[in-house]
Amino acid sequence: MEKVSLQIPNKAEYLSSLRLLVSGLLTNHSVDIETMEDLKIAITEGCNIALELNCKDEIDIEFIFDEGNLKIEIGHICEKDINEREELYLSTTIIDCLVDSSHIEKDRLYLEKNLK
């Protein structure tokens, strides 16, 4: 199991750097370009939710690579607020289409994708 943790300011201008990091991490794990693009979009949408809710001054992101599976945790998602914000429905729908599973629990967005 490999774990990579990152904390970025809760500002949109850091998302392009995050996407570059995601590309590098996934390249190291020989992920195909189509899956890589899907994951970059899903992670960006997850961070857009954190940006929109603005629960904290930073966004925590963890990537956990484990036997062909990738688990991504995006922190500081105000779970109680997300259900009240209809405009975030599109982001959650996009995420659900691009990963194998996703859910929000204890103010963290969990994404899972099989990389095999």
N, C-alpha and C. Protein backbone atom coordinates (compact mmCIF):
# COMPACT_ATOMS: atom_id res chain seq x y z
N MET A 1 0.84 -1.18 0.00
CA MET A 1 0.00 0.00 0.00
C MET A 1 0.89 1.24 0.00
N GLU A 2 0.53 2.19 -0.84
CA GLU A 2 1.22 3.48 -0.89
C GLU A 2 0.22 4.59 -0.64
N LYS A 3 0.64 5.57 0.15
CA LYS A 3 -0.25 6.67 0.50
C LYS A 3 0.46 7.99 0.23
N VAL A 4 -0.23 8.89 -0.48
CA VAL A 4 0.29 10.22 -0.75
C VAL A 4 -0.73 11.21 -0.19
N SER A 5 -0.25 12.12 0.66
CA SER A 5 -1.13 13.12 1.27
C SER A 5 -0.72 14.51 0.79
N LEU A 6 -1.72 15.35 0.61
CA LEU A 6 -1.49 16.69 0.10
C LEU A 6 -2.49 17.64 0.75
N GLN A 7 -2.05 18.85 1.02
CA GLN A 7 -2.95 19.88 1.52
C GLN A 7 -2.73 21.12 0.66
N ILE A 8 -3.82 21.62 0.06
CA ILE A 8 -3.73 22.82 -0.76
C ILE A 8 -4.64 23.90 -0.18
N PRO A 9 -4.32 25.16 -0.43
CA PRO A 9 -5.24 26.22 -0.01
C PRO A 9 -6.57 26.08 -0.72
N ASN A 10 -7.62 26.48 -0.08
CA ASN A 10 -8.97 26.40 -0.64
C ASN A 10 -9.16 27.55 -1.65
N LYS A 11 -8.38 27.48 -2.72
CA LYS A 11 -8.42 28.49 -3.78
C LYS A 11 -8.35 27.78 -5.13
N ALA A 12 -9.13 28.25 -6.08
CA ALA A 12 -9.24 27.62 -7.39
C ALA A 12 -7.92 27.57 -8.15
N GLU A 13 -7.04 28.53 -7.94
CA GLU A 13 -5.81 28.58 -8.72
C GLU A 13 -4.86 27.42 -8.42
N TYR A 14 -5.11 26.66 -7.37
CA TYR A 14 -4.26 25.51 -7.05
C TYR A 14 -4.74 24.21 -7.73
N LEU A 15 -5.91 24.23 -8.35
CA LEU A 15 -6.44 23.01 -8.96
C LEU A 15 -5.63 22.55 -10.18
N SER A 16 -5.06 23.47 -10.94
CA SER A 16 -4.25 23.06 -12.09
C SER A 16 -2.99 22.33 -11.62
N SER A 17 -2.39 22.79 -10.54
CA SER A 17 -1.22 22.08 -9.98
C SER A 17 -1.61 20.71 -9.45
N LEU A 18 -2.78 20.62 -8.85
CA LEU A 18 -3.27 19.33 -8.36
C LEU A 18 -3.46 18.36 -9.52
N ARG A 19 -4.01 18.83 -10.63
CA ARG A 19 -4.21 17.96 -11.80
C ARG A 19 -2.88 17.45 -12.34
N LEU A 20 -1.84 18.29 -12.32
CA LEU A 20 -0.51 17.84 -12.74
C LEU A 20 0.04 16.76 -11.82
N LEU A 21 -0.15 16.95 -10.52
CA LEU A 21 0.29 15.94 -9.56
C LEU A 21 -0.44 14.62 -9.79
N VAL A 22 -1.74 14.69 -10.00
CA VAL A 22 -2.54 13.48 -10.25
C VAL A 22 -2.02 12.76 -11.49
N SER A 23 -1.71 13.51 -12.55
CA SER A 23 -1.16 12.89 -13.76
C SER A 23 0.13 12.16 -13.45
N GLY A 24 1.01 12.79 -12.70
CA GLY A 24 2.27 12.16 -12.35
C GLY A 24 2.10 10.91 -11.52
N LEU A 25 1.23 10.98 -10.51
CA LEU A 25 0.99 9.81 -9.66
C LEU A 25 0.43 8.65 -10.47
N LEU A 26 -0.53 8.93 -11.31
CA LEU A 26 -1.16 7.87 -12.09
C LEU A 26 -0.23 7.31 -13.15
N THR A 27 0.63 8.14 -13.71
CA THR A 27 1.62 7.66 -14.66
C THR A 27 2.58 6.68 -13.98
N ASN A 28 2.96 6.99 -12.74
CA ASN A 28 3.84 6.08 -11.98
C ASN A 28 3.20 4.72 -11.76
N HIS A 29 1.89 4.66 -11.79
CA HIS A 29 1.16 3.40 -11.58
C HIS A 29 0.62 2.83 -12.89
N SER A 30 1.16 3.30 -14.01
CA SER A 30 0.82 2.79 -15.35
C SER A 30 -0.68 2.82 -15.65
N VAL A 31 -1.33 3.88 -15.24
CA VAL A 31 -2.76 4.03 -15.50
C VAL A 31 -2.95 4.54 -16.92
N ASP A 32 -3.91 3.96 -17.65
CA ASP A 32 -4.15 4.39 -19.02
C ASP A 32 -4.71 5.81 -19.06
N ILE A 33 -4.52 6.47 -20.19
CA ILE A 33 -4.85 7.89 -20.32
C ILE A 33 -6.34 8.18 -20.10
N GLU A 34 -7.20 7.28 -20.55
CA GLU A 34 -8.65 7.48 -20.38
C GLU A 34 -9.04 7.48 -18.90
N THR A 35 -8.53 6.50 -18.16
CA THR A 35 -8.80 6.42 -16.72
C THR A 35 -8.20 7.63 -16.01
N MET A 36 -7.01 8.02 -16.45
CA MET A 36 -6.34 9.18 -15.85
C MET A 36 -7.19 10.44 -16.02
N GLU A 37 -7.70 10.65 -17.21
CA GLU A 37 -8.53 11.84 -17.45
C GLU A 37 -9.82 11.79 -16.62
N ASP A 38 -10.45 10.62 -16.54
CA ASP A 38 -11.65 10.48 -15.71
C ASP A 38 -11.36 10.83 -14.26
N LEU A 39 -10.25 10.34 -13.74
CA LEU A 39 -9.90 10.61 -12.34
C LEU A 39 -9.55 12.07 -12.10
N LYS A 40 -8.87 12.68 -13.05
CA LYS A 40 -8.56 14.11 -12.90
C LYS A 40 -9.84 14.94 -12.85
N ILE A 41 -10.80 14.59 -13.68
CA ILE A 41 -12.08 15.32 -13.66
C ILE A 41 -12.81 15.07 -12.34
N ALA A 42 -12.87 13.82 -11.89
CA ALA A 42 -13.57 13.50 -10.64
C ALA A 42 -12.94 14.22 -9.46
N ILE A 43 -11.61 14.24 -9.40
CA ILE A 43 -10.92 14.91 -8.30
C ILE A 43 -11.16 16.41 -8.36
N THR A 44 -11.11 16.97 -9.55
CA THR A 44 -11.38 18.41 -9.71
C THR A 44 -12.79 18.74 -9.26
N GLU A 45 -13.76 17.92 -9.63
CA GLU A 45 -15.14 18.17 -9.20
C GLU A 45 -15.27 18.06 -7.67
N GLY A 46 -14.58 17.09 -7.08
CA GLY A 46 -14.59 16.97 -5.63
C GLY A 46 -14.02 18.21 -4.95
N CYS A 47 -12.94 18.72 -5.51
CA CYS A 47 -12.34 19.94 -4.96
C CYS A 47 -13.22 21.15 -5.23
N ASN A 48 -13.93 21.16 -6.35
CA ASN A 48 -14.88 22.25 -6.62
C ASN A 48 -15.98 22.28 -5.55
N ILE A 49 -16.40 21.12 -5.11
CA ILE A 49 -17.39 21.06 -4.03
C ILE A 49 -16.81 21.69 -2.77
N ALA A 50 -15.57 21.31 -2.43
CA ALA A 50 -14.91 21.89 -1.24
C ALA A 50 -14.76 23.40 -1.39
N LEU A 51 -14.41 23.85 -2.59
CA LEU A 51 -14.28 25.30 -2.84
C LEU A 51 -15.61 26.01 -2.64
N GLU A 52 -16.65 25.43 -3.21
CA GLU A 52 -17.98 26.04 -3.13
C GLU A 52 -18.49 26.11 -1.69
N LEU A 53 -18.29 25.04 -0.94
CA LEU A 53 -18.77 25.01 0.44
C LEU A 53 -17.90 25.85 1.36
N ASN A 54 -16.60 25.96 1.03
CA ASN A 54 -15.67 26.80 1.76
C ASN A 54 -15.72 26.57 3.28
N CYS A 55 -15.63 25.30 3.67
CA CYS A 55 -15.70 24.92 5.08
C CYS A 55 -14.44 25.27 5.86
N LYS A 56 -13.30 25.18 5.20
CA LYS A 56 -12.00 25.47 5.84
C LYS A 56 -11.12 26.21 4.85
N ASP A 57 -9.98 26.68 5.35
CA ASP A 57 -9.05 27.43 4.51
C ASP A 57 -8.18 26.53 3.63
N GLU A 58 -8.26 25.21 3.83
CA GLU A 58 -7.46 24.29 3.05
C GLU A 58 -8.29 23.07 2.67
N ILE A 59 -7.77 22.35 1.67
CA ILE A 59 -8.39 21.10 1.24
C ILE A 59 -7.35 20.00 1.42
N ASP A 60 -7.70 18.97 2.17
CA ASP A 60 -6.82 17.81 2.34
C ASP A 60 -7.19 16.76 1.31
N ILE A 61 -6.17 16.18 0.68
CA ILE A 61 -6.39 15.15 -0.32
C ILE A 61 -5.43 14.00 -0.04
N GLU A 62 -5.96 12.79 -0.03
CA GLU A 62 -5.12 11.60 0.14
C GLU A 62 -5.37 10.64 -1.01
N PHE A 63 -4.30 10.09 -1.52
CA PHE A 63 -4.34 9.07 -2.56
C PHE A 63 -3.79 7.79 -1.94
N ILE A 64 -4.57 6.73 -1.97
CA ILE A 64 -4.13 5.46 -1.41
C ILE A 64 -4.18 4.42 -2.52
N PHE A 65 -3.00 3.96 -2.92
CA PHE A 65 -2.86 2.93 -3.94
C PHE A 65 -2.70 1.60 -3.24
N ASP A 66 -3.60 0.66 -3.52
CA ASP A 66 -3.56 -0.63 -2.83
C ASP A 66 -3.99 -1.74 -3.78
N GLU A 67 -3.03 -2.54 -4.23
CA GLU A 67 -3.28 -3.72 -5.05
C GLU A 67 -4.21 -3.46 -6.23
N GLY A 68 -3.88 -2.47 -7.03
CA GLY A 68 -4.67 -2.18 -8.23
C GLY A 68 -5.89 -1.31 -8.00
N ASN A 69 -6.09 -0.87 -6.79
CA ASN A 69 -7.20 0.02 -6.48
C ASN A 69 -6.67 1.37 -6.02
N LEU A 70 -7.41 2.41 -6.31
CA LEU A 70 -7.08 3.74 -5.85
C LEU A 70 -8.23 4.27 -5.03
N LYS A 71 -7.92 4.70 -3.83
CA LYS A 71 -8.90 5.36 -2.97
C LYS A 71 -8.43 6.80 -2.80
N ILE A 72 -9.35 7.72 -2.98
CA ILE A 72 -9.04 9.14 -2.86
C ILE A 72 -9.97 9.72 -1.80
N GLU A 73 -9.39 10.47 -0.87
CA GLU A 73 -10.17 11.14 0.16
C GLU A 73 -9.96 12.64 0.01
N ILE A 74 -11.04 13.37 -0.11
CA ILE A 74 -10.98 14.82 -0.20
C ILE A 74 -11.65 15.36 1.06
N GLY A 75 -10.87 16.08 1.85
CA GLY A 75 -11.35 16.53 3.15
C GLY A 75 -11.96 17.91 3.14
N HIS A 76 -12.68 18.16 4.20
CA HIS A 76 -13.33 19.44 4.47
C HIS A 76 -14.51 19.70 3.54
N ILE A 77 -15.34 18.67 3.41
CA ILE A 77 -16.61 18.79 2.70
C ILE A 77 -17.68 18.85 3.79
N CYS A 78 -18.36 19.95 3.90
CA CYS A 78 -19.38 20.09 4.95
C CYS A 78 -20.60 19.26 4.56
N GLU A 79 -20.65 18.06 5.09
CA GLU A 79 -21.69 17.10 4.70
C GLU A 79 -23.09 17.67 4.88
N LYS A 80 -23.32 18.38 5.96
CA LYS A 80 -24.66 18.92 6.21
C LYS A 80 -25.04 20.00 5.20
N ASP A 81 -24.03 20.71 4.66
CA ASP A 81 -24.32 21.78 3.71
C ASP A 81 -24.51 21.28 2.28
N ILE A 82 -23.87 20.17 1.94
CA ILE A 82 -23.90 19.72 0.55
C ILE A 82 -25.32 19.35 0.10
N ASN A 83 -26.10 18.78 0.99
CA ASN A 83 -27.47 18.39 0.64
C ASN A 83 -28.39 19.58 0.46
N GLU A 84 -28.01 20.72 1.01
CA GLU A 84 -28.83 21.92 0.90
C GLU A 84 -28.48 22.76 -0.33
N ARG A 85 -27.43 22.39 -1.05
CA ARG A 85 -26.95 23.18 -2.18
C ARG A 85 -27.25 22.46 -3.48
N GLU A 86 -28.34 22.80 -4.11
CA GLU A 86 -28.78 22.15 -5.33
C GLU A 86 -27.76 22.28 -6.47
N GLU A 87 -27.00 23.37 -6.50
CA GLU A 87 -26.03 23.59 -7.58
C GLU A 87 -24.86 22.60 -7.53
N LEU A 88 -24.68 21.90 -6.41
CA LEU A 88 -23.61 20.91 -6.31
C LEU A 88 -24.02 19.54 -6.83
N TYR A 89 -25.29 19.40 -7.17
CA TYR A 89 -25.79 18.12 -7.69
C TYR A 89 -25.05 17.71 -8.96
N LEU A 90 -24.75 18.66 -9.85
CA LEU A 90 -24.05 18.34 -11.10
C LEU A 90 -22.66 17.76 -10.80
N SER A 91 -21.94 18.36 -9.86
CA SER A 91 -20.61 17.85 -9.51
C SER A 91 -20.67 16.43 -8.97
N THR A 92 -21.62 16.16 -8.10
CA THR A 92 -21.73 14.80 -7.54
C THR A 92 -22.15 13.80 -8.61
N THR A 93 -22.97 14.22 -9.55
CA THR A 93 -23.39 13.34 -10.65
C THR A 93 -22.20 13.01 -11.55
N ILE A 94 -21.39 14.01 -11.87
CA ILE A 94 -20.20 13.79 -12.69
C ILE A 94 -19.26 12.81 -12.00
N ILE A 95 -19.02 13.03 -10.72
CA ILE A 95 -18.15 12.14 -9.95
C ILE A 95 -18.66 10.70 -10.00
N ASP A 96 -19.95 10.53 -9.77
CA ASP A 96 -20.54 9.18 -9.77
C ASP A 96 -20.37 8.46 -11.11
N CYS A 97 -20.34 9.22 -12.20
CA CYS A 97 -20.18 8.63 -13.53
C CYS A 97 -18.73 8.21 -13.82
N LEU A 98 -17.78 8.78 -13.11
CA LEU A 98 -16.37 8.59 -13.44
C LEU A 98 -15.61 7.64 -12.53
N VAL A 99 -16.14 7.34 -11.36
CA VAL A 99 -15.46 6.45 -10.43
C VAL A 99 -16.35 5.24 -10.14
N ASP A 100 -15.75 4.21 -9.56
CA ASP A 100 -16.53 3.01 -9.24
C ASP A 100 -17.48 3.23 -8.08
N SER A 101 -17.05 4.02 -7.10
CA SER A 101 -17.93 4.34 -5.97
C SER A 101 -17.51 5.66 -5.35
N SER A 102 -18.48 6.34 -4.75
CA SER A 102 -18.20 7.58 -4.03
C SER A 102 -19.24 7.77 -2.94
N HIS A 103 -18.81 8.38 -1.87
CA HIS A 103 -19.73 8.74 -0.80
C HIS A 103 -19.09 9.79 0.09
N ILE A 104 -19.93 10.47 0.84
CA ILE A 104 -19.47 11.48 1.78
C ILE A 104 -19.76 10.98 3.18
N GLU A 105 -18.73 11.05 4.01
CA GLU A 105 -18.87 10.58 5.38
C GLU A 105 -17.93 11.40 6.26
N LYS A 106 -18.46 11.90 7.35
CA LYS A 106 -17.66 12.67 8.32
C LYS A 106 -16.85 13.78 7.64
N ASP A 107 -17.54 14.56 6.80
CA ASP A 107 -16.96 15.71 6.12
C ASP A 107 -15.80 15.37 5.19
N ARG A 108 -15.80 14.14 4.64
CA ARG A 108 -14.80 13.73 3.66
C ARG A 108 -15.51 13.06 2.49
N LEU A 109 -15.04 13.39 1.29
CA LEU A 109 -15.55 12.76 0.08
C LEU A 109 -14.62 11.60 -0.25
N TYR A 110 -15.17 10.40 -0.37
CA TYR A 110 -14.40 9.20 -0.67
C TYR A 110 -14.70 8.75 -2.10
N LEU A 111 -13.65 8.58 -2.88
CA LEU A 111 -13.76 8.09 -4.25
C LEU A 111 -12.94 6.82 -4.36
N GLU A 112 -13.45 5.84 -5.11
CA GLU A 112 -12.72 4.60 -5.33
C GLU A 112 -12.76 4.23 -6.80
N LYS A 113 -11.61 3.75 -7.29
CA LYS A 113 -11.51 3.35 -8.69
C LYS A 113 -10.57 2.15 -8.78
N ASN A 114 -11.03 1.12 -9.49
CA ASN A 114 -10.18 -0.03 -9.78
C ASN A 114 -9.32 0.33 -10.97
N LEU A 115 -8.01 0.21 -10.82
CA LEU A 115 -7.09 0.63 -11.88
C LEU A 115 -6.68 -0.50 -12.81
N LYS A 116 -7.19 -1.71 -12.58
CA LYS A 116 -6.80 -2.86 -13.42
C LYS A 116 -7.67 -2.96 -14.64
